[in-house]
PDB file of N, CA and C in Angstrom:
ATOM      1  N   ASP A   1      96.754 119.370  96.211  1.00  0.00           N
ATOM      2  CA  ASP A   1      95.934 120.237  95.415  1.00  0.00           C
ATOM      3  C   ASP A   1      96.799 120.903  94.362  1.00  0.00           C
ATOM      4  N   TYR A   2      96.466 120.667  93.125  1.00  0.00           N
ATOM      5  CA  TYR A   2      97.273 121.151  92.001  1.00  0.00           C
ATOM      6  C   TYR A   2      97.372 122.677  91.983  1.00  0.00           C
ATOM      7  N   LYS A   3      96.256 123.367  92.219  1.00  0.00           N
ATOM      8  CA  LYS A   3      96.269 124.837  92.175  1.00  0.00           C
ATOM      9  C   LYS A   3      97.185 125.399  93.253  1.00  0.00           C
ATOM     10  N   LEU A   4      97.155 124.825  94.447  1.00  0.00           N
ATOM     11  CA  LEU A   4      98.044 125.303  95.496  1.00  0.00           C
ATOM     12  C   LEU A   4      99.503 125.010  95.182  1.00  0.00           C
ATOM     13  N   ALA A   5      99.755 123.841  94.617  1.00  0.00           N
ATOM     14  CA  ALA A   5     101.122 123.491  94.235  1.00  0.00           C
ATOM     15  C   ALA A   5     101.656 124.478  93.213  1.00  0.00           C
ATOM     16  N   LYS A   6     100.847 124.830  92.219  1.00  0.00           N
ATOM     17  CA  LYS A   6     101.281 125.800  91.205  1.00  0.00           C
ATOM     18  C   LYS A   6     101.555 127.165  91.838  1.00  0.00           C
ATOM     19  N   ARG A   7     100.755 127.530  92.829  1.00  0.00           N
ATOM     20  CA  ARG A   7     100.916 128.827  93.476  1.00  0.00           C
ATOM     21  C   ARG A   7     102.164 128.881  94.356  1.00  0.00           C
ATOM     22  N   TYR A   8     102.348 127.875  95.195  1.00  0.00           N
ATOM     23  CA  TYR A   8     103.437 127.904  96.159  1.00  0.00           C
ATOM     24  C   TYR A   8     104.749 127.304  95.644  1.00  0.00           C
ATOM     25  N   LEU A   9     104.668 126.534  94.582  1.00  0.00           N
ATOM     26  CA  LEU A   9     105.860 125.899  94.018  1.00  0.00           C
ATOM     27  C   LEU A   9     105.907 126.205  92.507  1.00  0.00           C
ATOM     28  N   PRO A  10     106.103 127.474  92.142  1.00  0.00           N
ATOM     29  CA  PRO A  10     106.014 127.852  90.731  1.00  0.00           C
ATOM     30  C   PRO A  10     107.112 127.238  89.856  1.00  0.00           C
ATOM     31  N   ASN A  11     108.190 126.801  90.448  1.00  0.00           N
ATOM     32  CA  ASN A  11     109.279 126.199  89.661  1.00  0.00           C
ATOM     33  C   ASN A  11     109.170 124.690  89.579  1.00  0.00           C
ATOM     34  N   GLY A  12     108.073 124.137  90.039  1.00  0.00           N
ATOM     35  CA  GLY A  12     107.857 122.702  89.980  1.00  0.00           C
ATOM     36  C   GLY A  12     107.813 122.063  91.348  1.00  0.00           C
ATOM     37  N   GLN A  13     107.249 120.886  91.398  1.00  0.00           N
ATOM     38  CA  GLN A  13     107.097 120.157  92.646  1.00  0.00           C
ATOM     39  C   GLN A  13     108.267 119.196  92.851  1.00  0.00           C
ATOM     40  N   GLY A  14     108.339 118.654  94.048  1.00  0.00           N
ATOM     41  CA  GLY A  14     109.376 117.695  94.371  1.00  0.00           C
ATOM     42  C   GLY A  14     109.074 116.308  93.844  1.00  0.00           C
ATOM     43  N   ALA A  15     109.950 115.405  94.169  1.00  0.00           N
ATOM     44  CA  ALA A  15     109.861 114.048  93.634  1.00  0.00           C
ATOM     45  C   ALA A  15     109.197 113.083  94.611  1.00  0.00           C
ATOM     46  N   ILE A  16     108.573 113.600  95.677  1.00  0.00           N
ATOM     47  CA  ILE A  16     107.874 112.771  96.652  1.00  0.00           C
ATOM     48  C   ILE A  16     106.384 112.931  96.405  1.00  0.00           C
ATOM     49  N   LEU A  17     105.689 111.804  96.313  1.00  0.00           N
ATOM     50  CA  LEU A  17     104.244 111.880  96.135  1.00  0.00           C
ATOM     51  C   LEU A  17     103.601 110.708  96.851  1.00  0.00           C
ATOM     52  N   GLY A  18     102.314 110.824  97.042  1.00  0.00           N
ATOM     53  CA  GLY A  18     101.557 109.754  97.694  1.00  0.00           C
ATOM     54  C   GLY A  18     100.214 109.612  97.009  1.00  0.00           C
ATOM     55  N   PHE A  19      99.651 108.411  97.123  1.00  0.00           N
ATOM     56  CA  PHE A  19      98.330 108.178  96.539  1.00  0.00           C
ATOM     57  C   PHE A  19      97.661 107.034  97.302  1.00  0.00           C
ATOM     58  N   GLY A  20      96.348 107.028  97.225  1.00  0.00           N
ATOM     59  CA  GLY A  20      95.581 105.944  97.802  1.00  0.00           C
ATOM     60  C   GLY A  20      95.359 104.864  96.763  1.00  0.00           C
ATOM     61  N   ILE A  21      95.228 103.640  97.225  1.00  0.00           N
ATOM     62  CA  ILE A  21      95.055 102.511  96.327  1.00  0.00           C
ATOM     63  C   ILE A  21      93.762 101.781  96.675  1.00  0.00           C
ATOM     64  N   LYS A  22      92.962 101.477  95.675  1.00  0.00           N
ATOM     65  CA  LYS A  22      91.705 100.768  95.892  1.00  0.00           C
ATOM     66  C   LYS A  22      91.998  99.397  96.494  1.00  0.00           C
ATOM     67  N   GLY A  23      91.336  99.114  97.613  1.00  0.00           N
ATOM     68  CA  GLY A  23      91.533  97.818  98.262  1.00  0.00           C
ATOM     69  C   GLY A  23      92.241  97.908  99.610  1.00  0.00           C
ATOM     70  N   GLY A  24      92.580  99.134 100.022  1.00  0.00           N
ATOM     71  CA  GLY A  24      93.144  99.341 101.352  1.00  0.00           C
ATOM     72  C   GLY A  24      94.485  98.680 101.603  1.00  0.00           C
ATOM     73  N   LYS A  25      94.679  98.258 102.842  1.00  0.00           N
ATOM     74  CA  LYS A  25      95.968  97.726 103.278  1.00  0.00           C
ATOM     75  C   LYS A  25      96.396  96.504 102.468  1.00  0.00           C
ATOM     76  N   GLU A  26      95.493  95.589 102.225  1.00  0.00           N
ATOM     77  CA  GLU A  26      95.825  94.370 101.486  1.00  0.00           C
ATOM     78  C   GLU A  26      96.360  94.711 100.095  1.00  0.00           C
ATOM     79  N   ALA A  27      95.659  95.624  99.411  1.00  0.00           N
ATOM     80  CA  ALA A  27      96.093  96.018  98.067  1.00  0.00           C
ATOM     81  C   ALA A  27      97.399  96.806  98.127  1.00  0.00           C
ATOM     82  N   GLY A  28      97.570  97.610  99.170  1.00  0.00           N
ATOM     83  CA  GLY A  28      98.805  98.375  99.323  1.00  0.00           C
ATOM     84  C   GLY A  28     100.003  97.462  99.471  1.00  0.00           C
ATOM     85  N   VAL A  29      99.861  96.442 100.286  1.00  0.00           N
ATOM     86  CA  VAL A  29     100.949  95.483 100.489  1.00  0.00           C
ATOM     87  C   VAL A  29     101.226  94.731  99.191  1.00  0.00           C
ATOM     88  N   LYS A  30     100.167  94.334  98.468  1.00  0.00           N
ATOM     89  CA  LYS A  30     100.347  93.658  97.180  1.00  0.00           C
ATOM     90  C   LYS A  30     101.085  94.548  96.184  1.00  0.00           C
ATOM     91  N   PHE A  31     100.724  95.833  96.170  1.00  0.00           N
ATOM     92  CA  PHE A  31     101.391  96.768  95.266  1.00  0.00           C
ATOM     93  C   PHE A  31     102.883  96.813  95.568  1.00  0.00           C
ATOM     94  N   ILE A  32     103.226  97.004  96.834  1.00  0.00           N
ATOM     95  CA  ILE A  32     104.634  97.092  97.230  1.00  0.00           C
ATOM     96  C   ILE A  32     105.372  95.810  96.858  1.00  0.00           C
ATOM     97  N   ASN A  33     104.751  94.678  97.111  1.00  0.00           N
ATOM     98  CA  ASN A  33     105.391  93.395  96.804  1.00  0.00           C
ATOM     99  C   ASN A  33     105.481  93.098  95.314  1.00  0.00           C
ATOM    100  N   SER A  34     104.755  93.874  94.497  1.00  0.00           N
ATOM    101  CA  SER A  34     104.704  93.609  93.058  1.00  0.00           C
ATOM    102  C   SER A  34     105.613  94.506  92.218  1.00  0.00           C
ATOM    103  N   VAL A  35     106.101  95.611  92.804  1.00  0.00           N
ATOM    104  CA  VAL A  35     106.988  96.464  92.006  1.00  0.00           C
ATOM    105  C   VAL A  35     108.276  95.695  91.703  1.00  0.00           C
ATOM    106  N   LYS A  36     108.825  95.932  90.538  1.00  0.00           N
ATOM    107  CA  LYS A  36     110.062  95.258  90.126  1.00  0.00           C
ATOM    108  C   LYS A  36     111.214  96.250  89.967  1.00  0.00           C
ATOM    109  N   LEU A  37     110.932  97.411  89.412  1.00  0.00           N
ATOM    110  CA  LEU A  37     111.952  98.440  89.215  1.00  0.00           C
ATOM    111  C   LEU A  37     112.174  99.212  90.508  1.00  0.00           C
ATOM    112  N   ALA A  38     111.097  99.645  91.125  1.00  0.00           N
ATOM    113  CA  ALA A  38     111.181 100.425  92.352  1.00  0.00           C
ATOM    114  C   ALA A  38     111.634  99.540  93.515  1.00  0.00           C
ATOM    115  N   SER A  39     112.252 100.169  94.504  1.00  0.00           N
ATOM    116  CA  SER A  39     112.713  99.456  95.692  1.00  0.00           C
ATOM    117  C   SER A  39     111.794  99.760  96.859  1.00  0.00           C
ATOM    118  N   HIS A  40     111.592  98.784  97.726  1.00  0.00           N
ATOM    119  CA  HIS A  40     110.741  98.951  98.905  1.00  0.00           C
ATOM    120  C   HIS A  40     111.628  99.394 100.067  1.00  0.00           C
ATOM    121  N   LEU A  41     111.766 100.712 100.208  1.00  0.00           N
ATOM    122  CA  LEU A  41     112.617 101.295 101.251  1.00  0.00           C
ATOM    123  C   LEU A  41     111.936 102.518 101.841  1.00  0.00           C
ATOM    124  N   ALA A  42     112.260 102.812 103.108  1.00  0.00           N
ATOM    125  CA  ALA A  42     111.622 103.926 103.801  1.00  0.00           C
ATOM    126  C   ALA A  42     112.338 105.251 103.586  1.00  0.00           C
ATOM    127  N   ASN A  43     113.590 105.228 103.168  1.00  0.00           N
ATOM    128  CA  ASN A  43     114.314 106.489 102.995  1.00  0.00           C
ATOM    129  C   ASN A  43     113.821 107.224 101.754  1.00  0.00           C
ATOM    130  N   ILE A  44     114.179 108.481 101.636  1.00  0.00           N
ATOM    131  CA  ILE A  44     113.799 109.268 100.469  1.00  0.00           C
ATOM    132  C   ILE A  44     115.021 109.971  99.920  1.00  0.00           C
ATOM    133  N   GLY A  45     114.912 110.511  98.731  1.00  0.00           N
ATOM    134  CA  GLY A  45     115.992 111.298  98.158  1.00  0.00           C
ATOM    135  C   GLY A  45     117.072 110.469  97.479  1.00  0.00           C
ATOM    136  N   ASP A  46     116.818 109.220  97.236  1.00  0.00           N
ATOM    137  CA  ASP A  46     117.775 108.370  96.541  1.00  0.00           C
ATOM    138  C   ASP A  46     117.674 108.627  95.051  1.00  0.00           C
ATOM    139  N   SER A  47     118.609 108.116  94.275  1.00  0.00           N
ATOM    140  CA  SER A  47     118.535 108.276  92.814  1.00  0.00           C
ATOM    141  C   SER A  47     117.622 107.234  92.194  1.00  0.00           C
ATOM    142  N   LYS A  48     117.245 106.211  92.944  1.00  0.00           N
ATOM    143  CA  LYS A  48     116.336 105.198  92.437  1.00  0.00           C
ATOM    144  C   LYS A  48     114.940 105.412  93.010  1.00  0.00           C
ATOM    145  N   THR A  49     113.945 104.932  92.324  1.00  0.00           N
ATOM    146  CA  THR A  49     112.569 105.064  92.770  1.00  0.00           C
ATOM    147  C   THR A  49     112.310 104.152  93.955  1.00  0.00           C
ATOM    148  N   LEU A  50     111.733 104.733  95.010  1.00  0.00           N
ATOM    149  CA  LEU A  50     111.452 104.019  96.249  1.00  0.00           C
ATOM    150  C   LEU A  50     109.956 104.070  96.524  1.00  0.00           C
ATOM    151  N   VAL A  51     109.412 102.985  97.050  1.00  0.00           N
ATOM    152  CA  VAL A  51     107.993 102.941  97.433  1.00  0.00           C
ATOM    153  C   VAL A  51     107.854 102.346  98.832  1.00  0.00           C
ATOM    154  N   ILE A  52     106.804 102.781  99.521  1.00  0.00           N
ATOM    155  CA  ILE A  52     106.544 102.243 100.851  1.00  0.00           C
ATOM    156  C   ILE A  52     105.053 102.336 101.160  1.00  0.00           C
ATOM    157  N   HIS A  53     104.587 101.419 101.972  1.00  0.00           N
ATOM    158  CA  HIS A  53     103.210 101.421 102.469  1.00  0.00           C
ATOM    159  C   HIS A  53     103.308 101.747 103.960  1.00  0.00           C
ATOM    160  N   PRO A  54     103.213 103.047 104.328  1.00  0.00           N
ATOM    161  CA  PRO A  54     103.463 103.459 105.711  1.00  0.00           C
ATOM    162  C   PRO A  54     102.606 102.759 106.770  1.00  0.00           C
ATOM    163  N   ALA A  55     101.344 102.436 106.472  1.00  0.00           N
ATOM    164  CA  ALA A  55     100.473 101.820 107.471  1.00  0.00           C
ATOM    165  C   ALA A  55     100.993 100.471 107.943  1.00  0.00           C
ATOM    166  N   SER A  56     101.713  99.763 107.068  1.00  0.00           N
ATOM    167  CA  SER A  56     102.211  98.443 107.462  1.00  0.00           C
ATOM    168  C   SER A  56     103.719  98.440 107.751  1.00  0.00           C
ATOM    169  N   THR A  57     104.353  99.626 107.709  1.00  0.00           N
ATOM    170  CA  THR A  57     105.790  99.689 107.949  1.00  0.00           C
ATOM    171  C   THR A  57     106.126 100.804 108.951  1.00  0.00           C
ATOM    172  N   THR A  58     106.387 101.979 108.468  1.00  0.00           N
ATOM    173  CA  THR A  58     106.877 103.071 109.309  1.00  0.00           C
ATOM    174  C   THR A  58     105.885 103.511 110.395  1.00  0.00           C
ATOM    175  N   HIS A  59     104.600 103.274 110.195  1.00  0.00           N
ATOM    176  CA  HIS A  59     103.579 103.706 111.143  1.00  0.00           C
ATOM    177  C   HIS A  59     102.801 102.526 111.748  1.00  0.00           C
ATOM    178  N   GLN A  60     103.314 101.329 111.594  1.00  0.00           N
ATOM    179  CA  GLN A  60     102.568 100.136 112.048  1.00  0.00           C
ATOM    180  C   GLN A  60     102.387 100.077 113.561  1.00  0.00           C
ATOM    181  N   GLN A  61     103.266 100.739 114.324  1.00  0.00           N
ATOM    182  CA  GLN A  61     103.158 100.696 115.773  1.00  0.00           C
ATOM    183  C   GLN A  61     102.045 101.606 116.307  1.00  0.00           C
ATOM    184  N   LEU A  62     101.501 102.464 115.450  1.00  0.00           N
ATOM    185  CA  LEU A  62     100.448 103.388 115.868  1.00  0.00           C
ATOM    186  C   LEU A  62      99.073 102.753 115.713  1.00  0.00           C
ATOM    187  N   THR A  63      98.147 103.226 116.539  1.00  0.00           N
ATOM    188  CA  THR A  63      96.759 102.790 116.356  1.00  0.00           C
ATOM    189  C   THR A  63      96.226 103.392 115.058  1.00  0.00           C
ATOM    190  N   GLU A  64      95.084 102.900 114.612  1.00  0.00           N
ATOM    191  CA  GLU A  64      94.487 103.442 113.399  1.00  0.00           C
ATOM    192  C   GLU A  64      94.189 104.926 113.555  1.00  0.00           C
ATOM    193  N   ALA A  65      93.703 105.325 114.733  1.00  0.00           N
ATOM    194  CA  ALA A  65      93.390 106.743 114.985  1.00  0.00           C
ATOM    195  C   ALA A  65      94.669 107.581 114.935  1.00  0.00           C
ATOM    196  N   GLU A  66      95.756 107.072 115.488  1.00  0.00           N
ATOM    197  CA  GLU A  66      97.030 107.801 115.451  1.00  0.00           C
ATOM    198  C   GLU A  66      97.574 107.890 114.020  1.00  0.00           C
ATOM    199  N   GLN A  67      97.406 106.811 113.265  1.00  0.00           N
ATOM    200  CA  GLN A  67      97.829 106.849 111.857  1.00  0.00           C
ATOM    201  C   GLN A  67      97.038 107.912 111.095  1.00  0.00           C
ATOM    202  N   LEU A  68      95.729 107.934 111.290  1.00  0.00           N
ATOM    203  CA  LEU A  68      94.895 108.923 110.614  1.00  0.00           C
ATOM    204  C   LEU A  68      95.290 110.341 111.011  1.00  0.00           C
ATOM    205  N   ALA A  69      95.590 110.552 112.293  1.00  0.00           N
ATOM    206  CA  ALA A  69      96.029 111.869 112.759  1.00  0.00           C
ATOM    207  C   ALA A  69      97.332 112.290 112.108  1.00  0.00           C
ATOM    208  N   ALA A  70      98.166 111.296 111.743  1.00  0.00           N
ATOM    209  CA  ALA A  70      99.437 111.560 111.073  1.00  0.00           C
ATOM    210  C   ALA A  70      99.294 111.628 109.555  1.00  0.00           C
ATOM    211  N   GLY A  71      98.057 111.483 109.063  1.00  0.00           N
ATOM    212  CA  GLY A  71      97.817 111.546 107.626  1.00  0.00           C
ATOM    213  C   GLY A  71      98.071 110.249 106.896  1.00  0.00           C
ATOM    214  N   VAL A  72      98.148 109.142 107.635  1.00  0.00           N
ATOM    215  CA  VAL A  72      98.407 107.831 107.036  1.00  0.00           C
ATOM    216  C   VAL A  72      97.130 107.012 107.041  1.00  0.00           C
ATOM    217  N   THR A  73      96.654 106.654 105.846  1.00  0.00           N
ATOM    218  CA  THR A  73      95.481 105.806 105.730  1.00  0.00           C
ATOM    219  C   THR A  73      95.938 104.422 105.272  1.00  0.00           C
ATOM    220  N   SER A  74      95.056 103.442 105.419  1.00  0.00           N
ATOM    221  CA  SER A  74      95.432 102.068 105.082  1.00  0.00           C
ATOM    222  C   SER A  74      95.707 101.888 103.599  1.00  0.00           C
ATOM    223  N   ASP A  75      95.197 102.792 102.770  1.00  0.00           N
ATOM    224  CA  ASP A  75      95.380 102.673 101.325  1.00  0.00           C
ATOM    225  C   ASP A  75      96.528 103.528 100.764  1.00  0.00           C
ATOM    226  N   TYR A  76      97.269 104.198 101.644  1.00  0.00           N
ATOM    227  CA  TYR A  76      98.273 105.177 101.234  1.00  0.00           C
ATOM    228  C   TYR A  76      99.597 104.543 100.831  1.00  0.00           C
ATOM    229  N   ILE A  77     100.079 104.927  99.640  1.00  0.00           N
ATOM    230  CA  ILE A  77     101.390 104.510  99.133  1.00  0.00           C
ATOM    231  C   ILE A  77     102.226 105.781  98.994  1.00  0.00           C
ATOM    232  N   ARG A  78     103.465 105.756  99.492  1.00  0.00           N
ATOM    233  CA  ARG A  78     104.360 106.902  99.345  1.00  0.00           C
ATOM    234  C   ARG A  78     105.460 106.533  98.353  1.00  0.00           C
ATOM    235  N   VAL A  79     105.771 107.463  97.465  1.00  0.00           N
ATOM    236  CA  VAL A  79     106.750 107.229  96.408  1.00  0.00           C
ATOM    237  C   VAL A  79     107.795 108.342  96.407  1.00  0.00           C
ATOM    238  N   SER A  80     109.041 107.958  96.281  1.00  0.00           N
ATOM    239  CA  SER A  80     110.126 108.882  96.024  1.00  0.00           C
ATOM    240  C   SER A  80     110.617 108.552  94.623  1.00  0.00           C
ATOM    241  N   VAL A  81     110.324 109.436  93.664  1.00  0.00           N
ATOM    242  CA  VAL A  81     110.631 109.165  92.260  1.00  0.00           C
ATOM    243  C   VAL A  81     112.121 109.327  91.998  1.00  0.00           C
ATOM    244  N   GLY A  82     112.694 108.320  91.363  1.00  0.00           N
ATOM    245  CA  GLY A  82     114.113 108.328  91.061  1.00  0.00           C
ATOM    246  C   GLY A  82     114.423 108.819  89.649  1.00  0.00           C
ATOM    247  N   THR A  83     115.602 108.490  89.188  1.00  0.00           N
ATOM    248  CA  THR A  83     116.072 108.983  87.890  1.00  0.00           C
ATOM    249  C   THR A  83     115.907 107.985  86.755  1.00  0.00           C
ATOM    250  N   GLU A  84     115.228 106.874  87.007  1.00  0.00           N
ATOM    251  CA  GLU A  84     114.986 105.934  85.930  1.00  0.00           C
ATOM    252  C   GLU A  84     114.108 106.611  84.864  1.00  0.00           C
ATOM    253  N   HIS A  85     114.091 106.045  83.676  1.00  0.00           N
ATOM    254  CA  HIS A  85     113.253 106.619  82.614  1.00  0.00           C
ATOM    255  C   HIS A  85     111.799 106.533  83.040  1.00  0.00           C
ATOM    256  N   ILE A  86     111.069 107.608  82.818  1.00  0.00           N
ATOM    257  CA  ILE A  86     109.683 107.688  83.266  1.00  0.00           C
ATOM    258  C   ILE A  86     108.817 106.576  82.687  1.00  0.00           C
ATOM    259  N   ASP A  87     109.095 106.157  81.455  1.00  0.00           N
ATOM    260  CA  ASP A  87     108.308 105.062  80.866  1.00  0.00           C
ATOM    261  C   ASP A  87     108.489 103.772  81.635  1.00  0.00           C
ATOM    262  N   ASP A  88     109.700 103.547  82.159  1.00  0.00           N
ATOM    263  CA  ASP A  88     109.975 102.341  82.962  1.00  0.00           C
ATOM    264  C   ASP A  88     109.252 102.404  84.295  1.00  0.00           C
ATOM    265  N   ILE A  89     109.229 103.583  84.916  1.00  0.00           N
ATOM    266  CA  ILE A  89     108.538 103.752  86.196  1.00  0.00           C
ATOM    267  C   ILE A  89     107.034 103.538  85.989  1.00  0.00           C
ATOM    268  N   ILE A  90     106.480 104.142  84.951  1.00  0.00           N
ATOM    269  CA  ILE A  90     105.057 103.988  84.672  1.00  0.00           C
ATOM    270  C   ILE A  90     104.704 102.528  84.422  1.00  0.00           C
ATOM    271  N   ALA A  91     105.504 101.848  83.631  1.00  0.00           N
ATOM    272  CA  ALA A  91     105.241 100.430  83.338  1.00  0.00           C
ATOM    273  C   ALA A  91     105.293  99.605  84.616  1.00  0.00           C
ATOM    274  N   ASP A  92     106.256  99.880  85.484  1.00  0.00           N
ATOM    275  CA  ASP A  92     106.371  99.139  86.746  1.00  0.00           C
ATOM    276  C   ASP A  92     105.139  99.380  87.620  1.00  0.00           C
ATOM    277  N   PHE A  93     104.709 100.636  87.714  1.00  0.00           N
ATOM    278  CA  PHE A  93     103.556 100.953  88.537  1.00  0.00           C
ATOM    279  C   PHE A  93     102.279 100.375  87.943  1.00  0.00           C
ATOM    280  N   GLU A  94     102.154 100.375  86.628  1.00  0.00           N
ATOM    281  CA  GLU A  94     100.950  99.809  86.008  1.00  0.00           C
ATOM    282  C   GLU A  94     100.839  98.327  86.303  1.00  0.00           C
ATOM    283  N   GLN A  95     101.946  97.582  86.192  1.00  0.00           N
ATOM    284  CA  GLN A  95     101.863  96.142  86.455  1.00  0.00           C
ATOM    285  C   GLN A  95     101.643  95.885  87.936  1.00  0.00           C
ATOM    286  N   ALA A  96     102.229  96.712  88.820  1.00  0.00           N
ATOM    287  CA  ALA A  96     102.029  96.532  90.262  1.00  0.00           C
ATOM    288  C   ALA A  96     100.585  96.881  90.664  1.00  0.00           C
ATOM    289  N   LEU A  97     100.023  97.930  90.059  1.00  0.00           N
ATOM    290  CA  LEU A  97      98.624  98.273  90.333  1.00  0.00           C
ATOM    291  C   LEU A  97      97.707  97.151  89.889  1.00  0.00           C
ATOM    292  N   SER A  98      97.981  96.596  88.726  1.00  0.00           N
ATOM    293  CA  SER A  98      97.179  95.479  88.223  1.00  0.00           C
ATOM    294  C   SER A  98      97.256  94.294  89.194  1.00  0.00           C
ATOM    295  N   ALA A  99      98.458  93.973  89.632  1.00  0.00           N
ATOM    296  CA  ALA A  99      98.639  92.849  90.562  1.00  0.00           C
ATOM    297  C   ALA A  99      97.961  93.130  91.899  1.00  0.00           C
ATOM    298  N   SER A 100      97.929  94.386  92.330  1.00  0.00           N
ATOM    299  CA  SER A 100      97.327  94.715  93.622  1.00  0.00           C
ATOM    300  C   SER A 100      95.823  94.529  93.638  1.00  0.00           C
ATOM    301  N   GLN A 101      95.227  94.510  92.477  1.00  0.00           N
ATOM    302  CA  GLN A 101      93.763  94.403  92.373  1.00  0.00           C
ATOM    303  C   GLN A 101      93.280  92.984  92.106  1.00  0.00           C
ATOM    304  N   SER A 102      94.224  92.039  92.018  1.00  0.00           N
ATOM    305  CA  SER A 102      93.833  90.651  91.744  1.00  0.00           C
ATOM    306  C   SER A 102      93.693  89.846  93.012  1.00  0.00           C
TER     307      SER A 102
END
């Protein structure tokens, strides 16, 4: 929630974000497999941009109900934004999003 972020993080937000992707797990896996600049890794806080699809990796051993209780949905992508130029990150994500929907 943007308003809460502005209230509790007045100096700016961190470099970790998540979003849902249209098409669920299949599209999420396609997105991860389609990034070229970003790396598919579970760690965070690196200087390079990292992406992961938790439902098929870090949380795959959990049931769907357990994943949901942990805040992990089948369409969820987690990103740790690195120090690459933002235009390069955006271009990489745009092409990966396009590929995930085909």
